[in-house]
């Protein structure tokens, strides 16, 4: 199995995790609207990513790009930025949302470490997509 195959598998897993977190968020919003649950927490959206996760994903992406010696073309840089920084950071946030049911303050150091690992893994293998 090549790095390209691994990168595609990781990308598919990231999309599944993000969709799962989004469905959970929408389910909580719908339950509240129908009077069956508490009010949604503020800033529960998956696009509110802590800056540290962006930094971890960017550093891992840079390490992966240097390891595979990616040509620094505009097309390659755009692909690496999208699949190496944005998606892993969003996925790491989705992992936090899924594990805490949307609560930002309920994240333990272990869960934050898991999110950092997800961001680093996604960033590292994303260079295989180029």
C-alpha atoms as a PDB file:
ATOM      1  CA  UNK A   1       0.000   0.000   0.000  1.00  0.00           C
ATOM      2  CA  UNK A   2       1.470   3.347  -1.044  1.00  0.00           C
ATOM      3  CA  UNK A   3       1.337   6.708   0.712  1.00  0.00           C
ATOM      4  CA  UNK A   4      -1.318   7.817  -1.788  1.00  0.00           C
ATOM      5  CA  UNK A   5      -3.611   4.999  -0.706  1.00  0.00           C
ATOM      6  CA  UNK A   6      -3.053   5.798   2.957  1.00  0.00           C
ATOM      7  CA  UNK A   7      -3.739   9.495   2.331  1.00  0.00           C
ATOM      8  CA  UNK A   8      -7.046   8.708   0.623  1.00  0.00           C
ATOM      9  CA  UNK A   9      -8.084   6.367   3.447  1.00  0.00           C
ATOM     10  CA  UNK A  10      -7.254   9.035   6.038  1.00  0.00           C
ATOM     11  CA  UNK A  11      -9.161  11.641   4.006  1.00  0.00           C
ATOM     12  CA  UNK A  12     -12.234   9.384   3.871  1.00  0.00           C
ATOM     13  CA  UNK A  13     -12.026   8.769   7.623  1.00  0.00           C
ATOM     14  CA  UNK A  14     -11.780  12.526   8.244  1.00  0.00           C
ATOM     15  CA  UNK A  15     -14.915  13.147   6.221  1.00  0.00           C
ATOM     16  CA  UNK A  16     -16.827  10.437   8.112  1.00  0.00           C
ATOM     17  CA  UNK A  17     -15.805  11.900  11.480  1.00  0.00           C
ATOM     18  CA  UNK A  18     -16.766  15.434  10.420  1.00  0.00           C
ATOM     19  CA  UNK A  19     -20.154  14.322   9.092  1.00  0.00           C
ATOM     20  CA  UNK A  20     -20.831  12.367  12.295  1.00  0.00           C
ATOM     21  CA  UNK A  21     -20.049  15.404  14.433  1.00  0.00           C
ATOM     22  CA  UNK A  22     -22.209  17.631  12.242  1.00  0.00           C
ATOM     23  CA  UNK A  23     -25.158  15.205  12.487  1.00  0.00           C
ATOM     24  CA  UNK A  24     -24.788  15.172  16.277  1.00  0.00           C
ATOM     25  CA  UNK A  25     -24.777  18.964  16.385  1.00  0.00           C
ATOM     26  CA  UNK A  26     -27.865  19.183  14.205  1.00  0.00           C
ATOM     27  CA  UNK A  27     -29.618  16.538  16.309  1.00  0.00           C
ATOM     28  CA  UNK A  28     -28.985  18.595  19.479  1.00  0.00           C
ATOM     29  CA  UNK A  29     -30.293  21.742  17.769  1.00  0.00           C
ATOM     30  CA  UNK A  30     -33.412  19.935  16.518  1.00  0.00           C
ATOM     31  CA  UNK A  31     -34.098  18.414  19.946  1.00  0.00           C
ATOM     32  CA  UNK A  32     -33.903  21.856  21.516  1.00  0.00           C
ATOM     33  CA  UNK A  33     -36.191  23.367  18.888  1.00  0.00           C
ATOM     34  CA  UNK A  34     -38.766  20.651  19.572  1.00  0.00           C
ATOM     35  CA  UNK A  35     -38.508  21.186  23.342  1.00  0.00           C
ATOM     36  CA  UNK A  36     -36.821  17.833  24.039  1.00  0.00           C
ATOM     37  CA  UNK A  37     -33.377  19.040  25.052  1.00  0.00           C
ATOM     38  CA  UNK A  38     -31.294  21.841  26.508  1.00  0.00           C
ATOM     39  CA  UNK A  39     -30.218  24.865  24.533  1.00  0.00           C
ATOM     40  CA  UNK A  40     -27.222  24.294  22.244  1.00  0.00           C
ATOM     41  CA  UNK A  41     -23.911  25.530  23.526  1.00  0.00           C
ATOM     42  CA  UNK A  42     -22.543  28.716  21.980  1.00  0.00           C
ATOM     43  CA  UNK A  43     -19.930  28.321  19.230  1.00  0.00           C
ATOM     44  CA  UNK A  44     -20.585  24.600  18.891  1.00  0.00           C
ATOM     45  CA  UNK A  45     -19.965  24.708  15.143  1.00  0.00           C
ATOM     46  CA  UNK A  46     -17.107  22.614  13.753  1.00  0.00           C
ATOM     47  CA  UNK A  47     -15.504  25.617  12.069  1.00  0.00           C
ATOM     48  CA  UNK A  48     -14.493  27.154  15.420  1.00  0.00           C
ATOM     49  CA  UNK A  49     -11.099  25.460  15.586  1.00  0.00           C
ATOM     50  CA  UNK A  50      -8.515  26.279  18.251  1.00  0.00           C
ATOM     51  CA  UNK A  51      -5.450  27.918  16.698  1.00  0.00           C
ATOM     52  CA  UNK A  52      -3.177  25.278  18.227  1.00  0.00           C
ATOM     53  CA  UNK A  53      -4.791  22.575  16.077  1.00  0.00           C
ATOM     54  CA  UNK A  54      -4.110  24.600  12.935  1.00  0.00           C
ATOM     55  CA  UNK A  55      -0.490  24.949  14.021  1.00  0.00           C
ATOM     56  CA  UNK A  56      -0.095  21.236  14.728  1.00  0.00           C
ATOM     57  CA  UNK A  57      -1.639  20.307  11.378  1.00  0.00           C
ATOM     58  CA  UNK A  58       0.523  22.853   9.535  1.00  0.00           C
ATOM     59  CA  UNK A  59       3.726  21.625  11.177  1.00  0.00           C
ATOM     60  CA  UNK A  60       2.883  18.001  10.407  1.00  0.00           C
ATOM     61  CA  UNK A  61       2.015  18.933   6.823  1.00  0.00           C
ATOM     62  CA  UNK A  62       5.327  20.711   6.395  1.00  0.00           C
ATOM     63  CA  UNK A  63       7.171  17.687   7.772  1.00  0.00           C
ATOM     64  CA  UNK A  64       5.299  15.378   5.410  1.00  0.00           C
ATOM     65  CA  UNK A  65       5.952  17.639   2.425  1.00  0.00           C
ATOM     66  CA  UNK A  66       9.665  17.807   3.229  1.00  0.00           C
ATOM     67  CA  UNK A  67       9.845  14.038   3.679  1.00  0.00           C
ATOM     68  CA  UNK A  68       8.221  13.356   0.317  1.00  0.00           C
ATOM     69  CA  UNK A  69       9.951  16.338  -1.362  1.00  0.00           C
ATOM     70  CA  UNK A  70       6.789  17.919  -2.756  1.00  0.00           C
ATOM     71  CA  UNK A  71       7.324  20.363  -5.632  1.00  0.00           C
ATOM     72  CA  UNK A  72       6.403  23.877  -4.397  1.00  0.00           C
ATOM     73  CA  UNK A  73       3.939  24.749  -7.174  1.00  0.00           C
ATOM     74  CA  UNK A  74       0.813  26.797  -6.530  1.00  0.00           C
ATOM     75  CA  UNK A  75      -1.388  23.787  -7.242  1.00  0.00           C
ATOM     76  CA  UNK A  76       0.545  21.563  -4.839  1.00  0.00           C
ATOM     77  CA  UNK A  77       0.565  24.210  -2.101  1.00  0.00           C
ATOM     78  CA  UNK A  78      -3.189  24.744  -2.415  1.00  0.00           C
ATOM     79  CA  UNK A  79      -3.828  21.006  -2.218  1.00  0.00           C
ATOM     80  CA  UNK A  80      -1.562  20.593   0.787  1.00  0.00           C
ATOM     81  CA  UNK A  81      -3.122  23.605   2.539  1.00  0.00           C
ATOM     82  CA  UNK A  82      -6.654  22.301   2.016  1.00  0.00           C
ATOM     83  CA  UNK A  83      -6.090  18.630   2.774  1.00  0.00           C
ATOM     84  CA  UNK A  84      -3.179  19.079   5.157  1.00  0.00           C
ATOM     85  CA  UNK A  85      -4.228  21.970   7.352  1.00  0.00           C
ATOM     86  CA  UNK A  86      -7.948  22.706   7.095  1.00  0.00           C
ATOM     87  CA  UNK A  87      -9.426  19.218   7.012  1.00  0.00           C
ATOM     88  CA  UNK A  88      -7.237  17.723   9.779  1.00  0.00           C
ATOM     89  CA  UNK A  89      -7.943  20.723  12.034  1.00  0.00           C
ATOM     90  CA  UNK A  90     -11.690  20.474  11.381  1.00  0.00           C
ATOM     91  CA  UNK A  91     -11.543  16.730  12.027  1.00  0.00           C
ATOM     92  CA  UNK A  92      -9.670  17.234  15.289  1.00  0.00           C
ATOM     93  CA  UNK A  93     -12.373  19.685  16.382  1.00  0.00           C
ATOM     94  CA  UNK A  94     -15.018  17.155  15.354  1.00  0.00           C
ATOM     95  CA  UNK A  95     -13.324  14.555  17.557  1.00  0.00           C
ATOM     96  CA  UNK A  96     -13.547  16.960  20.495  1.00  0.00           C
ATOM     97  CA  UNK A  97     -17.207  17.724  19.757  1.00  0.00           C
ATOM     98  CA  UNK A  98     -18.106  14.039  19.454  1.00  0.00           C
ATOM     99  CA  UNK A  99     -16.299  13.048  22.641  1.00  0.00           C
ATOM    100  CA  UNK A 100     -17.741  15.879  24.745  1.00  0.00           C
ATOM    101  CA  UNK A 101     -21.191  16.126  23.115  1.00  0.00           C
ATOM    102  CA  UNK A 102     -20.464  19.664  21.992  1.00  0.00           C
ATOM    103  CA  UNK A 103     -19.050  21.001  25.241  1.00  0.00           C
ATOM    104  CA  UNK A 104     -15.831  22.948  24.843  1.00  0.00           C
ATOM    105  CA  UNK A 105     -15.005  23.040  28.536  1.00  0.00           C
ATOM    106  CA  UNK A 106     -15.477  19.294  29.055  1.00  0.00           C
ATOM    107  CA  UNK A 107     -12.385  18.354  27.052  1.00  0.00           C
ATOM    108  CA  UNK A 108      -9.815  16.642  29.250  1.00  0.00           C
ATOM    109  CA  UNK A 109      -6.075  16.745  28.517  1.00  0.00           C
ATOM    110  CA  UNK A 110      -6.348  13.217  27.101  1.00  0.00           C
ATOM    111  CA  UNK A 111      -9.049  14.273  24.652  1.00  0.00           C
ATOM    112  CA  UNK A 112      -7.032  17.322  23.649  1.00  0.00           C
ATOM    113  CA  UNK A 113      -4.061  15.012  23.045  1.00  0.00           C
ATOM    114  CA  UNK A 114      -6.249  12.781  20.881  1.00  0.00           C
ATOM    115  CA  UNK A 115      -7.364  15.809  18.868  1.00  0.00           C
ATOM    116  CA  UNK A 116      -3.737  16.900  18.446  1.00  0.00           C
ATOM    117  CA  UNK A 117      -2.836  13.391  17.270  1.00  0.00           C
ATOM    118  CA  UNK A 118      -5.672  13.442  14.732  1.00  0.00           C
ATOM    119  CA  UNK A 119      -4.526  16.836  13.418  1.00  0.00           C
ATOM    120  CA  UNK A 120      -0.905  15.693  13.182  1.00  0.00           C
ATOM    121  CA  UNK A 121      -1.749  12.403  11.478  1.00  0.00           C
ATOM    122  CA  UNK A 122      -4.000  14.055   8.937  1.00  0.00           C
ATOM    123  CA  UNK A 123      -1.399  16.702   8.191  1.00  0.00           C
ATOM    124  CA  UNK A 124       1.446  14.229   7.917  1.00  0.00           C
ATOM    125  CA  UNK A 125      -0.155  11.897   5.400  1.00  0.00           C
ATOM    126  CA  UNK A 126      -1.770  14.664   3.358  1.00  0.00           C
ATOM    127  CA  UNK A 127       1.423  15.210   1.409  1.00  0.00           C
ATOM    128  CA  UNK A 128       0.699  11.861  -0.256  1.00  0.00           C
ATOM    129  CA  UNK A 129      -2.241  13.462  -2.073  1.00  0.00           C
ATOM    130  CA  UNK A 130       0.045  15.728  -4.097  1.00  0.00           C
END
